[in-house]
Amino acid sequence: MAVPFYRHALPACYAERVASVLASPFLTSGPRCQEVETTLRRFFGVGSAKLTSSWTQGAVATLLALDIGPGDEVIVPAMTFAATANVVRQVGATPIFVDVDARTLLMDLTQAGQAVTTRTRAVIPVHLYGHMVDIPSLRAVIPESVKIVRRHGKLTP
């Protein structure tokens, strides 16, 4: 049996919206981007929201906003896309790899908790293959001072 790696369910109107942006002179900074940023600010109830060209750049911006840099550690799963660890290195911090749970292939939460040191500033769990990391359980095994930066870029207190 063939199991597709990914099958999207995006409606045709989304393609029309993308086409309208591609037909405009503004690909990354025009009115549509401003509209999305406004929607995000309202949705999250925050004063600022900025779009980036990729998860990678958004994650770098998030780590910099958290003042994470040289001397700091960020826990990441050993099985993930390279960008998860690369963004940590890009800001000068050290990625700390923890193994994954053999059943879910997600970050092993027990190991994540055990990997925390006085230099740990954040954890970047990765939701993978339709499985979601149990964020409340992760929060329970790490100190409140350690931030959780979800792989889709959302910061969890």
Protein backbone atom coordinates (compact mmCIF):
# COMPACT_ATOMS: atom_id res chain seq x y z
CA MET A 1 0.00 0.00 0.00
CA ALA A 2 1.36 3.40 -0.98
CA VAL A 3 1.10 5.97 1.78
CA PRO A 4 1.58 9.55 0.55
CA PHE A 5 4.15 11.58 2.48
CA TYR A 6 1.94 14.64 2.30
CA ARG A 7 -1.37 15.47 0.68
CA HIS A 8 -2.67 18.99 1.10
CA ALA A 9 -6.30 20.02 1.21
CA LEU A 10 -5.95 23.66 0.21
CA PRO A 11 -8.94 25.16 -1.58
CA ALA A 12 -8.59 26.77 -5.02
CA CYS A 13 -9.21 30.25 -3.57
CA TYR A 14 -5.79 30.04 -1.88
CA ALA A 15 -4.10 29.55 -5.24
CA GLU A 16 -6.01 32.58 -6.53
CA ARG A 17 -4.72 34.67 -3.61
CA VAL A 18 -1.15 33.56 -4.25
CA ALA A 19 -1.53 34.33 -7.96
CA SER A 20 -2.80 37.84 -7.16
CA VAL A 21 0.29 38.51 -5.05
CA LEU A 22 2.60 37.10 -7.73
CA ALA A 23 0.94 39.38 -10.30
CA SER A 24 1.53 42.45 -8.12
CA PRO A 25 4.78 44.39 -7.83
CA PHE A 26 5.02 43.39 -4.13
CA LEU A 27 6.06 39.82 -3.41
CA THR A 28 7.16 40.08 0.23
CA SER A 29 6.30 43.48 1.61
CA GLY A 30 3.09 44.64 0.01
CA PRO A 31 -0.47 45.16 1.15
CA ARG A 32 -1.23 41.43 1.50
CA CYS A 33 1.69 41.00 3.91
CA GLN A 34 0.53 43.99 5.93
CA GLU A 35 -2.98 42.51 6.03
CA VAL A 36 -1.65 39.18 7.32
CA GLU A 37 0.50 40.91 9.96
CA THR A 38 -2.55 42.86 11.15
CA THR A 39 -4.58 39.64 11.33
CA LEU A 40 -1.81 37.96 13.35
CA ARG A 41 -1.55 40.89 15.79
CA ARG A 42 -5.30 40.76 16.40
CA PHE A 43 -5.42 36.97 16.67
CA PHE A 44 -2.61 36.77 19.22
CA GLY A 45 -3.44 40.06 20.94
CA VAL A 46 0.06 41.44 20.51
CA GLY A 47 1.43 44.79 19.44
CA SER A 48 3.80 43.50 16.80
CA ALA A 49 3.91 40.70 14.23
CA LYS A 50 6.26 40.37 11.29
CA LEU A 51 6.29 37.90 8.44
CA THR A 52 9.56 36.28 7.43
CA SER A 53 10.59 34.53 4.26
CA SER A 54 10.98 31.16 6.00
CA TRP A 55 10.64 29.30 9.27
CA THR A 56 14.43 29.48 9.52
CA GLN A 57 14.54 33.28 9.49
CA GLY A 58 11.56 33.47 11.85
CA ALA A 59 13.29 31.14 14.28
CA VAL A 60 16.49 33.20 14.16
CA ALA A 61 14.44 36.32 14.87
CA THR A 62 12.68 34.55 17.75
CA LEU A 63 15.94 33.38 19.32
CA LEU A 64 17.44 36.86 18.95
CA ALA A 65 14.31 38.40 20.52
CA LEU A 66 14.82 36.06 23.47
CA ASP A 67 18.44 37.30 23.69
CA ILE A 68 19.78 33.79 23.09
CA GLY A 69 23.38 33.71 21.91
CA PRO A 70 26.91 32.62 22.77
CA GLY A 71 27.12 30.61 25.99
CA ASP A 72 23.47 29.58 25.83
CA GLU A 73 22.07 26.13 25.07
CA VAL A 74 18.92 25.19 23.18
CA ILE A 75 17.55 21.65 23.33
CA VAL A 76 16.52 20.15 19.98
CA PRO A 77 15.49 16.65 18.89
CA ALA A 78 18.18 14.48 17.29
CA MET A 79 15.81 13.61 14.43
CA THR A 80 14.76 16.82 12.70
CA PHE A 81 15.46 19.00 9.71
CA ALA A 82 18.95 20.52 9.88
CA ALA A 83 17.53 24.05 10.19
CA THR A 84 16.31 23.31 13.72
CA ALA A 85 19.90 23.04 14.98
CA ASN A 86 21.33 25.47 12.42
CA VAL A 87 19.29 28.42 13.74
CA VAL A 88 20.70 27.78 17.20
CA ARG A 89 24.24 27.87 15.81
CA GLN A 90 23.41 30.92 13.69
CA VAL A 91 22.78 32.99 16.83
CA GLY A 92 25.94 31.61 18.46
CA ALA A 93 24.25 29.26 20.92
CA THR A 94 24.85 25.51 21.27
CA PRO A 95 22.25 22.96 20.17
CA ILE A 96 21.83 20.12 22.66
CA PHE A 97 20.48 17.02 20.94
CA VAL A 98 18.13 14.64 22.71
CA ASP A 99 16.97 11.35 21.32
CA VAL A 100 13.44 10.70 20.09
CA ASP A 101 10.79 8.41 21.48
CA ALA A 102 10.85 5.19 19.41
CA ARG A 103 7.05 5.05 19.31
CA THR A 104 6.28 8.62 18.18
CA LEU A 105 9.63 9.69 16.67
CA LEU A 106 9.17 12.97 18.57
CA MET A 107 11.54 14.47 21.13
CA ASP A 108 11.79 12.22 24.19
CA LEU A 109 10.39 14.48 26.90
CA THR A 110 12.14 12.69 29.75
CA GLN A 111 15.49 13.14 28.03
CA ALA A 112 14.64 16.78 27.30
CA GLY A 113 14.07 17.38 31.00
CA GLN A 114 17.31 15.62 31.89
CA ALA A 115 19.26 17.69 29.34
CA VAL A 116 18.43 21.02 31.02
CA THR A 117 21.43 22.78 32.55
CA THR A 118 21.96 26.25 33.97
CA ARG A 119 22.85 27.37 30.42
CA THR A 120 19.60 26.08 28.84
CA ARG A 121 17.50 28.98 27.55
CA ALA A 122 15.04 27.25 25.21
CA VAL A 123 13.72 24.02 23.74
CA ILE A 124 12.64 23.63 20.12
CA PRO A 125 10.37 20.57 19.91
CA VAL A 126 9.38 19.44 16.42
CA HIS A 127 5.91 18.27 15.44
CA LEU A 128 6.55 15.57 12.86
CA TYR A 129 4.62 13.34 10.45
CA GLY A 130 1.25 14.39 11.83
CA HIS A 131 2.28 13.77 15.45
CA MET A 132 2.21 16.68 17.87
CA VAL A 133 4.62 17.10 20.78
CA ASP A 134 2.73 17.14 24.08
CA ILE A 135 3.62 20.72 25.01
CA PRO A 136 2.01 20.66 28.51
CA SER A 137 4.02 17.52 29.35
CA LEU A 138 7.19 19.16 28.01
CA ARG A 139 6.49 22.25 30.12
CA ALA A 140 6.12 19.98 33.16
CA VAL A 141 9.69 18.62 32.81
CA ILE A 142 11.53 21.88 32.15
CA PRO A 143 11.84 24.99 34.33
CA GLU A 144 9.55 27.97 33.67
CA SER A 145 12.63 30.02 32.76
CA VAL A 146 13.24 27.81 29.72
CA LYS A 147 11.23 28.99 26.71
CA ILE A 148 9.53 26.62 24.29
CA VAL A 149 9.91 27.66 20.66
CA ARG A 150 7.68 25.45 18.57
CA ARG A 151 9.07 24.26 15.25
CA HIS A 152 6.38 26.24 13.46
CA GLY A 153 7.81 29.30 15.09
CA LYS A 154 5.32 29.96 17.85
CA LEU A 155 6.75 30.83 21.24
CA THR A 156 5.06 29.16 24.18
CA PRO A 157 5.51 30.78 27.61
